[in-house]
C-alpha atoms as a PDB file:
ATOM      1  CA  MET A   1       0.253  -0.176  -0.095  1.00  0.00           C
ATOM      2  CA  THR A   2       3.042   1.837   0.137  1.00  0.00           C
ATOM      3  CA  ALA A   3       5.456   1.116  -1.904  1.00  0.00           C
ATOM      4  CA  GLY A   4       7.325   2.068   0.547  1.00  0.00           C
ATOM      5  CA  MET A   5       7.702   4.698   0.827  1.00  0.00           C
ATOM      6  CA  PRO A   6       8.495   7.349   4.538  1.00  0.00           C
ATOM      7  CA  ARG A   7       5.602   9.617   3.244  1.00  0.00           C
ATOM      8  CA  ARG A   8       2.770   7.506   2.672  1.00  0.00           C
ATOM      9  CA  ALA A   9       3.931   4.668   5.564  1.00  0.00           C
ATOM     10  CA  ARG A  10       3.587   7.021   8.972  1.00  0.00           C
ATOM     11  CA  SER A  11       0.305   8.899   6.939  1.00  0.00           C
ATOM     12  CA  LEU A  12      -1.015   5.074   6.933  1.00  0.00           C
ATOM     13  CA  PHE A  13      -0.437   4.871  10.557  1.00  0.00           C
ATOM     14  CA  GLU A  14      -1.516   7.500  11.048  1.00  0.00           C
ATOM     15  CA  GLY A  15      -4.660   7.197   9.730  1.00  0.00           C
ATOM     16  CA  PHE A  16      -5.010   3.984  12.472  1.00  0.00           C
ATOM     17  CA  GLY A  17      -4.120   6.267  14.955  1.00  0.00           C
ATOM     18  CA  TYR A  18      -0.512   5.181  15.540  1.00  0.00           C
ATOM     19  CA  SER A  19       1.514   7.957  16.324  1.00  0.00           C
ATOM     20  CA  GLY A  20       5.659   7.982  16.129  1.00  0.00           C
ATOM     21  CA  ALA A  21       6.663   6.437  19.442  1.00  0.00           C
ATOM     22  CA  ASP A  22       4.019   3.709  18.464  1.00  0.00           C
ATOM     23  CA  ILE A  23       6.223   2.920  15.747  1.00  0.00           C
ATOM     24  CA  ASN A  24       9.170   0.522  16.417  1.00  0.00           C
ATOM     25  CA  PRO A  25      10.895  -3.019  15.503  1.00  0.00           C
ATOM     26  CA  THR A  26       8.475  -5.096  17.149  1.00  0.00           C
ATOM     27  CA  LEU A  27       5.403  -3.811  15.296  1.00  0.00           C
ATOM     28  CA  LYS A  28       7.512  -3.756  12.099  1.00  0.00           C
ATOM     29  CA  ARG A  29       7.791  -7.615  12.971  1.00  0.00           C
ATOM     30  CA  ARG A  30       4.500  -7.878  13.498  1.00  0.00           C
ATOM     31  CA  LEU A  31       2.939  -6.767  10.546  1.00  0.00           C
ATOM     32  CA  MET A  32       5.552  -8.910   8.487  1.00  0.00           C
ATOM     33  CA  ALA A  33       4.681 -12.025  10.377  1.00  0.00           C
ATOM     34  CA  LEU A  34       1.153 -10.527   9.614  1.00  0.00           C
ATOM     35  CA  MET A  35       1.632 -10.171   5.995  1.00  0.00           C
ATOM     36  CA  LEU A  36       3.093 -13.662   5.765  1.00  0.00           C
ATOM     37  CA  LEU A  37       0.914 -15.724   7.530  1.00  0.00           C
ATOM     38  CA  HIS A  38      -2.592 -14.167   5.958  1.00  0.00           C
ATOM     39  CA  ARG A  39      -3.713 -16.610   3.629  1.00  0.00           C
ATOM     40  CA  PHE A  40      -3.650 -14.542   0.386  1.00  0.00           C
ATOM     41  CA  SER A  41       0.333 -14.033   1.189  1.00  0.00           C
ATOM     42  CA  ASP A  42       1.693 -13.143  -2.275  1.00  0.00           C
ATOM     43  CA  PRO A  43       4.715 -11.226  -1.550  1.00  0.00           C
ATOM     44  CA  ILE A  44       6.048 -11.938  -4.902  1.00  0.00           C
ATOM     45  CA  ARG A  45       3.358 -10.047  -6.716  1.00  0.00           C
ATOM     46  CA  HIS A  46       2.338  -8.356  -3.805  1.00  0.00           C
ATOM     47  CA  ILE A  47       5.019  -5.796  -2.705  1.00  0.00           C
ATOM     48  CA  ARG A  48       5.561  -2.865  -5.698  1.00  0.00           C
ATOM     49  CA  ILE A  49       9.157  -1.669  -4.066  1.00  0.00           C
ATOM     50  CA  GLU A  50      11.071  -1.420  -7.166  1.00  0.00           C
ATOM     51  CA  GLY A  51      13.999  -3.933  -6.761  1.00  0.00           C
ATOM     52  CA  TRP A  52      13.474  -4.820  -3.680  1.00  0.00           C
ATOM     53  CA  GLN A  53      14.278  -8.513  -3.864  1.00  0.00           C
ATOM     54  CA  GLU A  54      18.517  -7.710  -4.702  1.00  0.00           C
ATOM     55  CA  GLU A  55      18.024  -4.375  -1.937  1.00  0.00           C
ATOM     56  CA  ALA A  56      15.860  -7.279   1.044  1.00  0.00           C
ATOM     57  CA  GLY A  57      18.601  -9.598   2.150  1.00  0.00           C
ATOM     58  CA  ASP A  58      16.415 -11.182   4.679  1.00  0.00           C
ATOM     59  CA  LEU A  59      13.193 -10.574   5.983  1.00  0.00           C
ATOM     60  CA  PHE A  60      14.393  -8.156   8.484  1.00  0.00           C
ATOM     61  CA  GLU A  61      15.621  -5.359   5.611  1.00  0.00           C
ATOM     62  CA  LEU A  62      12.538  -6.301   4.128  1.00  0.00           C
ATOM     63  CA  GLN A  63      10.412  -5.022   6.783  1.00  0.00           C
ATOM     64  CA  ASP A  64      12.289  -1.783   6.373  1.00  0.00           C
ATOM     65  CA  LEU A  65      11.615  -1.269   3.037  1.00  0.00           C
ATOM     66  CA  LEU A  66       8.113  -2.085   3.479  1.00  0.00           C
ATOM     67  CA  TRP A  67       7.707   0.023   6.654  1.00  0.00           C
ATOM     68  CA  PRO A  68      10.697   2.705   6.244  1.00  0.00           C
ATOM     69  CA  VAL A  69       8.813   5.199   9.641  1.00  0.00           C
END
């Protein structure tokens, strides 16, 4: 939804009532787990960040690409 753009990610979190203090590595890790466990999850097709497969060497780097806040 945010295409890895910090401003979009921040707006998305704020829209759901999260403050800047709420956005931390634990929240990002939970969101990553939910994304991967969702029955319709297909990261290869759904992640809209150009070159993300080359940029993210592991799941921690991917979560920082997806939620760069």
